[in-house]
């Protein structure tokens, strides 16, 4: 009985714990926090692993460098001081050989002694300062937070170059960490970019409602209906403004910890980071700034990813719109060939005629039309040539009785059997 009661209690306890974790998981998925928590855990694990393998080796390497550098500087200082002593002895010997009063010789000897002490002090200070500068240049602080900073530069592919692994296990772990982290960050940035897009759409919707309430009596006929917005309908200018706004805010916040930089240098650092160029000429100097720059860099990468996906989506939609316009030109050709761009006798090539179709589009669409790749251009040319060579011999009998409304678009056509002949080339 006791064993059965314990098993039942354990089953109830396990069921409650699973239900609790299920509620947490659903809540995190609802607010898109699971990917954020996963990225934090992955980053902290990477920082701990790199710190474990690189910290001790770095300290030993830094100690050996300081010892070697100190020995070299001591030898150099010793040679310089020996030369100064020889010069000092030579000058004192010349003073002793000169004729004159004893007071005059004493004054000259005292001046030479002061010159010797001043030069010895200058040489010592110079050697110490150069030793400290070289020691600071060689010192790469592999603390835990700097290791976290290095982990972020690995899976974001920024790679500033200010921190590099020096051990063989560290280099192997860097490759494995990058292979696992790059697909993860691509998925997370895509998810964050989509959420930023939804936020931008929501703000535009609020703005439209506010304008609608203020100027309800003077509504414009062509006012944008935000309720039907899709992914490709958001203007590219809005996405670019989001990137610029995030750049300005990040640069301002970065100056709180990196007070030695100017605003332009801070802006330049985040621009190089957002575009994953990562020259490494400007990098964080303090641990706190290393940790605090991670969040704005990730948000900037998500915004840039959203902008790139938005451009790609608009190019795909533009391709479909051009195909639809080709079908409309084909319908116009059946009614009046002189009013259609599908004029066989024209000397213009296919892409030039397609650009005439693009002249009726917006400036953004005309700009994106030039970004169509070679395969998309070839498909449009094939679609154009196929429609130019097609004539409705069976249906278009009298041109005067044909109307533009009678031309059914390709999306509304019913399926037809292959044994029937409707078009003759």
Protein backbone atom coordinates (compact mmCIF):
# COMPACT_ATOMS: atom_id res chain seq x y z
CA UNK A 1 0.00 0.00 0.00
CA UNK A 2 2.81 2.41 0.86
CA UNK A 3 4.57 1.71 -2.44
CA UNK A 4 1.36 2.26 -4.38
CA UNK A 5 0.69 5.50 -2.51
CA UNK A 6 4.22 6.75 -3.19
CA UNK A 7 3.95 5.93 -6.87
CA UNK A 8 0.63 7.77 -7.08
CA UNK A 9 2.08 10.81 -5.31
CA UNK A 10 5.12 10.81 -7.58
CA UNK A 11 2.86 10.60 -10.64
CA UNK A 12 0.80 13.57 -9.41
CA UNK A 13 3.97 15.56 -8.65
CA UNK A 14 5.45 14.81 -12.07
CA UNK A 15 2.18 15.72 -13.80
CA UNK A 16 2.06 19.07 -11.99
CA UNK A 17 5.66 19.82 -12.90
CA UNK A 18 5.07 18.96 -16.55
CA UNK A 19 1.96 21.15 -16.58
CA UNK A 20 3.97 23.99 -15.04
CA UNK A 21 6.71 23.72 -17.65
CA UNK A 22 4.07 23.45 -20.37
CA UNK A 23 2.53 26.74 -19.21
CA UNK A 24 5.96 28.40 -19.19
CA UNK A 25 6.75 27.09 -22.66
CA UNK A 26 3.40 28.25 -24.07
CA UNK A 27 3.86 31.69 -22.51
CA UNK A 28 7.36 32.01 -23.93
CA UNK A 29 6.19 30.88 -27.35
CA UNK A 30 3.31 33.33 -27.27
CA UNK A 31 5.59 36.30 -26.64
CA UNK A 32 8.45 34.88 -28.77
CA UNK A 33 10.76 34.64 -25.76
CA UNK A 34 11.89 31.06 -26.32
CA UNK A 35 14.36 32.00 -29.05
CA UNK A 36 15.67 34.88 -26.93
CA UNK A 37 16.23 32.63 -23.90
CA UNK A 38 17.82 29.98 -26.11
CA UNK A 39 20.23 32.56 -27.54
CA UNK A 40 21.16 33.80 -24.06
CA UNK A 41 21.84 30.26 -22.85
CA UNK A 42 23.88 29.45 -25.96
CA UNK A 43 25.90 32.65 -25.56
CA UNK A 44 26.62 32.06 -21.87
CA UNK A 45 27.65 28.46 -22.54
CA UNK A 46 29.99 29.63 -25.28
CA UNK A 47 31.47 32.31 -23.03
CA UNK A 48 32.05 29.80 -20.22
CA UNK A 49 33.69 27.26 -22.54
CA UNK A 50 35.98 29.80 -24.19
CA UNK A 51 36.89 31.26 -20.81
CA UNK A 52 37.77 27.81 -19.49
CA UNK A 53 40.10 26.99 -22.40
CA UNK A 54 41.61 30.40 -23.14
CA UNK A 55 41.88 32.21 -19.81
CA UNK A 56 44.69 30.18 -18.20
CA UNK A 57 46.67 29.96 -21.41
CA UNK A 58 46.31 33.69 -21.93
CA UNK A 59 47.52 34.49 -18.42
CA UNK A 60 50.56 32.26 -18.87
CA UNK A 61 51.24 33.74 -22.30
CA UNK A 62 50.88 37.25 -20.95
CA UNK A 63 53.23 36.46 -18.05
CA UNK A 64 55.86 35.03 -20.41
CA UNK A 65 55.53 38.05 -22.65
CA UNK A 66 56.04 40.42 -19.73
CA UNK A 67 59.07 38.52 -18.49
CA UNK A 68 60.67 38.42 -21.94
CA UNK A 69 59.85 42.04 -22.60
CA UNK A 70 61.17 43.07 -19.20
CA UNK A 71 64.45 41.25 -19.78
CA UNK A 72 64.86 42.89 -23.18
CA UNK A 73 64.11 46.32 -21.76
CA UNK A 74 66.51 45.76 -18.89
CA UNK A 75 69.27 44.84 -21.30
CA UNK A 76 68.51 47.87 -23.44
CA UNK A 77 68.41 50.15 -20.40
CA UNK A 78 71.68 48.70 -19.16
CA UNK A 79 73.41 49.42 -22.48
CA UNK A 80 72.11 53.01 -22.54
CA UNK A 81 73.18 53.62 -18.94
CA UNK A 82 76.63 52.18 -19.62
CA UNK A 83 76.99 54.58 -22.52
CA UNK A 84 75.89 57.50 -20.32
CA UNK A 85 78.43 56.53 -17.66
CA UNK A 86 81.20 56.48 -20.24
CA UNK A 87 80.18 59.92 -21.52
CA UNK A 88 79.96 61.19 -17.93
CA UNK A 89 83.42 59.86 -17.09
CA UNK A 90 84.88 61.34 -20.26
CA UNK A 91 83.44 64.78 -19.51
CA UNK A 92 84.64 64.69 -15.92
CA UNK A 93 88.12 63.69 -17.09
CA UNK A 94 88.18 66.64 -19.52
CA UNK A 95 87.16 69.03 -16.73
CA UNK A 96 89.96 67.68 -14.55
CA UNK A 97 92.51 68.16 -17.31
CA UNK A 98 91.51 71.76 -17.95
CA UNK A 99 93.46 74.58 -16.32
CA UNK A 100 91.69 77.05 -14.10
CA UNK A 101 90.49 77.80 -10.64
CA UNK A 102 89.18 75.05 -8.43
CA UNK A 103 85.79 76.72 -8.05
CA UNK A 104 85.34 76.83 -11.81
CA UNK A 105 86.11 73.12 -12.13
CA UNK A 106 83.73 72.35 -9.28
CA UNK A 107 80.91 74.25 -11.00
CA UNK A 108 81.47 72.47 -14.29
CA UNK A 109 81.62 69.10 -12.57
CA UNK A 110 78.36 69.82 -10.75
CA UNK A 111 76.65 70.78 -14.03
CA UNK A 112 77.87 67.55 -15.65
CA UNK A 113 76.58 65.56 -12.68
CA UNK A 114 73.10 67.13 -12.97
CA UNK A 115 73.14 66.39 -16.70
CA UNK A 116 73.98 62.77 -15.97
CA UNK A 117 71.21 62.36 -13.35
CA UNK A 118 68.61 63.97 -15.62
CA UNK A 119 69.49 61.69 -18.54
CA UNK A 120 69.43 58.57 -16.36
CA UNK A 121 65.97 59.53 -15.08
CA UNK A 122 64.69 60.21 -18.61
CA UNK A 123 66.00 56.89 -19.94
CA UNK A 124 64.45 54.95 -17.05
CA UNK A 125 61.04 56.60 -17.44
CA UNK A 126 61.07 56.09 -21.21
CA UNK A 127 61.88 52.38 -20.92
CA UNK A 128 59.17 51.86 -18.31
CA UNK A 129 56.53 53.68 -20.39
CA UNK A 130 57.33 51.71 -23.56
CA UNK A 131 57.26 48.50 -21.56
CA UNK A 132 53.79 49.31 -20.19
CA UNK A 133 52.46 50.26 -23.62
CA UNK A 134 53.63 47.02 -25.21
CA UNK A 135 52.27 45.06 -22.27
CA UNK A 136 48.85 46.69 -22.67
CA UNK A 137 48.82 46.00 -26.40
CA UNK A 138 49.58 42.33 -25.83
CA UNK A 139 47.05 41.99 -23.03
CA UNK A 140 43.74 40.68 -24.32
CA UNK A 141 41.47 40.38 -21.32
CA UNK A 142 39.98 36.88 -21.50
CA UNK A 143 37.55 37.42 -18.65
CA UNK A 144 34.13 35.79 -18.64
CA UNK A 145 32.33 38.79 -20.16
CA UNK A 146 34.98 39.29 -22.79
CA UNK A 147 34.60 35.59 -23.62
CA UNK A 148 30.85 36.16 -24.01
CA UNK A 149 31.66 39.09 -26.29
CA UNK A 150 33.93 36.81 -28.35
CA UNK A 151 31.16 34.18 -28.58
CA UNK A 152 28.78 36.80 -30.00
CA UNK A 153 31.33 37.88 -32.61
CA UNK A 154 31.68 34.23 -33.67
CA UNK A 155 28.06 33.29 -34.37
CA UNK A 156 27.15 36.70 -35.78
CA UNK A 157 30.11 36.39 -38.24
CA UNK A 158 31.21 39.95 -37.36
CA UNK A 159 34.68 38.92 -36.22
CA UNK A 160 36.35 42.16 -35.12
CA UNK A 161 39.70 40.39 -34.77
CA UNK A 162 40.60 41.96 -31.42
CA UNK A 163 40.19 38.57 -29.69
CA UNK A 164 41.37 35.32 -31.25
CA UNK A 165 41.88 31.86 -29.74
CA UNK A 166 45.48 30.83 -29.19
CA UNK A 167 45.00 27.21 -28.07
CA UNK A 168 44.20 24.26 -30.34
CA UNK A 169 41.08 23.24 -28.32
CA UNK A 170 39.90 26.86 -28.46
CA UNK A 171 40.23 26.94 -32.24
CA UNK A 172 38.40 23.61 -32.63
CA UNK A 173 35.60 24.78 -30.33
CA UNK A 174 35.37 28.03 -32.29
CA UNK A 175 34.68 26.09 -35.49
CA UNK A 176 32.10 23.84 -33.81
CA UNK A 177 30.49 26.79 -32.05
CA UNK A 178 30.21 28.70 -35.33
CA UNK A 179 28.70 25.72 -37.20
CA UNK A 180 25.97 25.40 -34.57
CA UNK A 181 25.51 29.09 -33.85
CA UNK A 182 25.26 30.57 -37.35
CA UNK A 183 22.07 28.63 -38.33
CA UNK A 184 20.63 29.40 -34.89
CA UNK A 185 21.24 33.14 -35.18
CA UNK A 186 19.85 33.17 -38.73
CA UNK A 187 16.60 31.62 -37.49
CA UNK A 188 16.41 33.95 -34.49
CA UNK A 189 17.15 37.08 -36.54
CA UNK A 190 14.46 36.11 -39.02
CA UNK A 191 11.95 35.67 -36.20
CA UNK A 192 12.94 38.97 -34.60
CA UNK A 193 12.82 40.73 -37.95
CA UNK A 194 9.28 39.49 -38.53
CA UNK A 195 8.24 40.69 -35.07
CA UNK A 196 9.77 44.10 -35.80
CA UNK A 197 7.79 44.17 -39.03
CA UNK A 198 4.57 43.42 -37.15
CA UNK A 199 5.41 46.18 -34.68
CA UNK A 200 5.99 48.64 -37.52
CA UNK A 201 2.69 47.64 -39.11
CA UNK A 202 0.93 48.13 -35.77
CA UNK A 203 2.41 51.61 -35.35
CA UNK A 204 1.41 52.54 -38.89
CA UNK A 205 -2.08 51.25 -38.18
CA UNK A 206 -2.33 53.43 -35.07
CA UNK A 207 -1.09 56.41 -37.05
CA UNK A 208 -3.66 55.76 -39.76
CA UNK A 209 -6.46 55.52 -37.19
CA UNK A 210 -5.35 58.77 -35.59
CA UNK A 211 -5.30 60.54 -38.96
CA UNK A 212 -8.67 58.99 -39.77
CA UNK A 213 -10.20 60.39 -36.59
CA UNK A 214 -8.69 63.84 -37.02
CA UNK A 215 -9.50 64.24 -40.71
CA UNK A 216 -12.49 61.95 -41.15
CA UNK A 217 -14.27 64.53 -43.29
CA UNK A 218 -11.37 64.98 -45.67
CA UNK A 219 -10.31 61.38 -46.31
CA UNK A 220 -8.12 60.84 -49.29
CA UNK A 221 -9.33 58.42 -51.89
CA UNK A 222 -5.96 56.67 -52.17
CA UNK A 223 -5.28 56.44 -48.45
CA UNK A 224 -3.47 53.22 -47.51
CA UNK A 225 -5.67 50.56 -45.97
CA UNK A 226 -3.44 49.20 -43.22
CA UNK A 227 -5.84 46.42 -42.38
CA UNK A 228 -4.91 44.62 -45.59
CA UNK A 229 -1.16 45.11 -45.22
CA UNK A 230 0.97 42.13 -46.09
CA UNK A 231 4.68 41.54 -45.66
CA UNK A 232 5.65 43.12 -48.95
CA UNK A 233 3.40 46.18 -48.58
CA UNK A 234 5.54 47.91 -45.94
CA UNK A 235 7.58 50.63 -47.66
CA UNK A 236 11.31 50.08 -47.79
CA UNK A 237 11.80 53.64 -46.58
CA UNK A 238 10.14 52.73 -43.27
CA UNK A 239 12.54 49.80 -42.80
CA UNK A 240 15.53 52.01 -43.61
CA UNK A 241 14.31 54.62 -41.13
CA UNK A 242 14.11 51.90 -38.49
CA UNK A 243 17.74 50.92 -39.18
CA UNK A 244 18.93 54.55 -39.02
CA UNK A 245 16.95 55.20 -35.82
CA UNK A 246 18.47 52.13 -34.16
CA UNK A 247 21.94 53.21 -35.29
CA UNK A 248 21.51 56.65 -33.71
CA UNK A 249 20.13 55.27 -30.44
CA UNK A 250 22.84 52.60 -30.16
CA UNK A 251 25.61 55.11 -30.86
CA UNK A 252 24.27 57.43 -28.16
CA UNK A 253 24.02 54.66 -25.56
CA UNK A 254 27.51 53.37 -26.39
CA UNK A 255 29.04 56.74 -25.49
CA UNK A 256 27.90 56.28 -21.89
CA UNK A 257 30.57 53.61 -21.35
CA UNK A 258 33.07 54.51 -24.09
CA UNK A 259 33.51 58.20 -23.28
CA UNK A 260 36.79 58.39 -25.21
CA UNK A 261 35.01 57.95 -28.55
CA UNK A 262 33.22 60.62 -30.53
CA UNK A 263 29.63 60.23 -31.67
CA UNK A 264 30.73 59.67 -35.26
CA UNK A 265 33.16 56.92 -34.20
CA UNK A 266 30.41 55.24 -32.17
CA UNK A 267 27.99 55.50 -35.11
CA UNK A 268 30.69 54.09 -37.40
CA UNK A 269 31.29 51.16 -35.01
CA UNK A 270 27.62 50.13 -35.00
CA UNK A 271 27.28 50.58 -38.76
CA UNK A 272 30.25 48.24 -39.29
CA UNK A 273 28.66 45.82 -36.81
CA UNK A 274 25.15 45.91 -38.30
CA UNK A 275 26.53 45.15 -41.76
CA UNK A 276 28.79 42.36 -40.33
CA UNK A 277 31.86 43.99 -41.91
CA UNK A 278 33.77 44.03 -38.62
CA UNK A 279 37.00 45.84 -39.47
CA UNK A 280 38.08 45.86 -35.83
CA UNK A 281 39.61 49.34 -35.95
CA UNK A 282 37.14 50.49 -33.27
CA UNK A 283 36.27 47.96 -30.56
CA UNK A 284 35.00 48.21 -26.97
CA UNK A 285 37.76 48.79 -24.41
CA UNK A 286 35.90 48.07 -21.18
CA UNK A 287 34.18 44.90 -20.00
CA UNK A 288 30.88 46.64 -19.30
CA UNK A 289 30.77 48.12 -22.80
CA UNK A 290 31.56 44.70 -24.29
CA UNK A 291 28.55 43.21 -22.54
CA UNK A 292 26.21 46.15 -23.18
CA UNK A 293 26.89 46.38 -26.92
CA UNK A 294 25.64 42.82 -27.52
CA UNK A 295 21.92 43.66 -27.35
CA UNK A 296 21.93 46.64 -29.77
CA UNK A 297 24.13 44.71 -32.21
CA UNK A 298 21.68 41.79 -32.24
CA UNK A 299 18.72 44.15 -32.66
CA UNK A 300 20.51 45.90 -35.50
CA UNK A 301 21.23 42.60 -37.23
CA UNK A 302 17.55 41.68 -36.89
CA UNK A 303 16.49 45.00 -38.42
CA UNK A 304 18.92 44.63 -41.32
CA UNK A 305 17.70 41.05 -41.85
CA UNK A 306 14.11 42.33 -41.90
CA UNK A 307 15.03 44.94 -44.51
CA UNK A 308 16.75 42.38 -46.74
CA UNK A 309 13.80 39.97 -46.49
CA UNK A 310 11.43 42.85 -47.24
CA UNK A 311 13.35 43.74 -50.41
CA UNK A 312 13.36 40.10 -51.53
CA UNK A 313 9.62 39.81 -50.91
CA UNK A 314 8.94 42.98 -52.88
CA UNK A 315 11.05 41.71 -55.79
CA UNK A 316 9.03 38.47 -55.87
CA UNK A 317 5.75 40.38 -55.81
CA UNK A 318 7.02 42.71 -58.52
CA UNK A 319 7.84 39.70 -60.68
CA UNK A 320 4.27 38.41 -60.32
CA UNK A 321 2.85 41.87 -61.06
CA UNK A 322 4.89 42.16 -64.25
CA UNK A 323 3.61 38.75 -65.37
CA UNK A 324 0.08 39.94 -64.68
CA UNK A 325 0.71 43.11 -66.71
CA UNK A 326 1.96 40.99 -69.60
CA UNK A 327 -1.39 39.19 -69.59
CA UNK A 328 -3.17 42.56 -69.61
CA UNK A 329 -1.10 43.67 -72.58
CA UNK A 330 -2.04 40.45 -74.32
CA UNK A 331 -5.71 41.25 -73.75
CA UNK A 332 -5.20 44.74 -75.17
CA UNK A 333 -3.50 43.21 -78.18
CA UNK A 334 -6.57 41.14 -78.99
CA UNK A 335 -8.73 44.27 -78.93
CA UNK A 336 -6.47 46.79 -80.65
CA UNK A 337 -2.89 45.80 -81.53
CA UNK A 338 -1.93 49.44 -82.12
CA UNK A 339 -2.59 50.33 -78.46
CA UNK A 340 -0.64 47.40 -77.08
CA UNK A 341 3.08 47.17 -76.43
CA UNK A 342 3.03 43.71 -78.02
CA UNK A 343 3.73 45.07 -81.46
CA UNK A 344 5.70 42.59 -83.50
CA UNK A 345 6.87 45.28 -85.92
CA UNK A 346 8.53 47.34 -83.16
CA UNK A 347 12.35 47.49 -83.16
CA UNK A 348 12.62 47.55 -79.34
CA UNK A 349 13.77 44.46 -77.52
CA UNK A 350 11.67 42.64 -74.95
CA UNK A 351 13.27 44.17 -71.84
CA UNK A 352 12.81 47.68 -73.22
CA UNK A 353 9.08 47.03 -73.67
CA UNK A 354 8.89 45.57 -70.19
CA UNK A 355 10.50 48.74 -68.86
CA UNK A 356 7.68 50.68 -70.55
CA UNK A 357 5.30 48.61 -68.44
CA UNK A 358 7.34 49.54 -65.38
CA UNK A 359 7.02 53.25 -66.19
CA UNK A 360 3.48 53.15 -64.83
CA UNK A 361 4.68 51.77 -61.49
CA UNK A 362 5.93 53.66 -58.45
CA UNK A 363 9.52 54.80 -58.02
CA UNK A 364 10.18 51.96 -55.59
CA UNK A 365 8.88 49.36 -58.08
CA UNK A 366 10.93 50.85 -60.91
CA UNK A 367 14.03 50.68 -58.74
CA UNK A 368 13.33 47.07 -57.76
CA UNK A 369 12.68 46.17 -61.41
CA UNK A 370 16.37 46.72 -62.08
CA UNK A 371 17.22 44.25 -59.32
CA UNK A 372 15.54 41.28 -61.00
CA UNK A 373 18.00 38.44 -61.43
CA UNK A 374 18.87 36.80 -64.74
CA UNK A 375 16.49 33.86 -64.37
CA UNK A 376 13.53 36.12 -63.59
CA UNK A 377 14.32 38.31 -66.59
CA UNK A 378 14.56 35.25 -68.81
CA UNK A 379 11.18 33.97 -67.59
CA UNK A 380 9.57 37.35 -68.29
CA UNK A 381 11.07 37.40 -71.79
CA UNK A 382 9.77 33.89 -72.47
CA UNK A 383 6.31 34.84 -71.20
CA UNK A 384 6.33 37.95 -73.40
CA UNK A 385 7.48 36.07 -76.52
CA UNK A 386 4.90 33.37 -75.97
CA UNK A 387 2.09 35.92 -75.74
CA UNK A 388 3.37 37.93 -78.70
CA UNK A 389 3.28 34.85 -80.95
CA UNK A 390 -0.16 33.75 -79.73
CA UNK A 391 -3.33 34.68 -81.63
CA UNK A 392 -6.88 33.71 -80.64
CA UNK A 393 -7.90 32.35 -84.05
CA UNK A 394 -10.92 30.48 -82.74
CA UNK A 395 -12.50 33.06 -80.46
CA UNK A 396 -11.60 36.47 -81.95
CA UNK A 397 -13.59 36.51 -85.21
CA UNK A 398 -14.70 40.11 -85.45
CA UNK A 399 -12.39 42.75 -83.96
CA UNK A 400 -15.13 45.37 -83.63
CA UNK A 401 -17.29 43.14 -81.43
CA UNK A 402 -14.44 42.38 -79.03
CA UNK A 403 -14.35 44.24 -75.77
CA UNK A 404 -11.64 44.50 -73.17
CA UNK A 405 -13.94 43.13 -70.49
CA UNK A 406 -14.38 39.91 -72.45
CA UNK A 407 -10.69 39.02 -72.11
CA UNK A 408 -10.44 36.66 -69.17
CA UNK A 409 -7.28 37.00 -67.13
CA UNK A 410 -5.07 33.97 -66.65
CA UNK A 411 -5.98 33.67 -62.94
CA UNK A 412 -9.73 33.32 -63.75
CA UNK A 413 -9.50 30.82 -66.61
CA UNK A 414 -11.14 27.40 -66.18
CA UNK A 415 -9.07 24.23 -66.64
CA UNK A 416 -9.11 23.02 -70.23
CA UNK A 417 -8.47 19.71 -71.87
CA UNK A 418 -5.33 19.25 -73.90
CA UNK A 419 -7.25 17.82 -76.86
CA UNK A 420 -8.95 21.16 -77.56
CA UNK A 421 -7.21 23.79 -79.64
CA UNK A 422 -7.93 27.35 -78.54
CA UNK A 423 -4.81 29.20 -79.64
CA UNK A 424 -2.93 28.90 -82.88
CA UNK A 425 0.61 30.12 -83.31
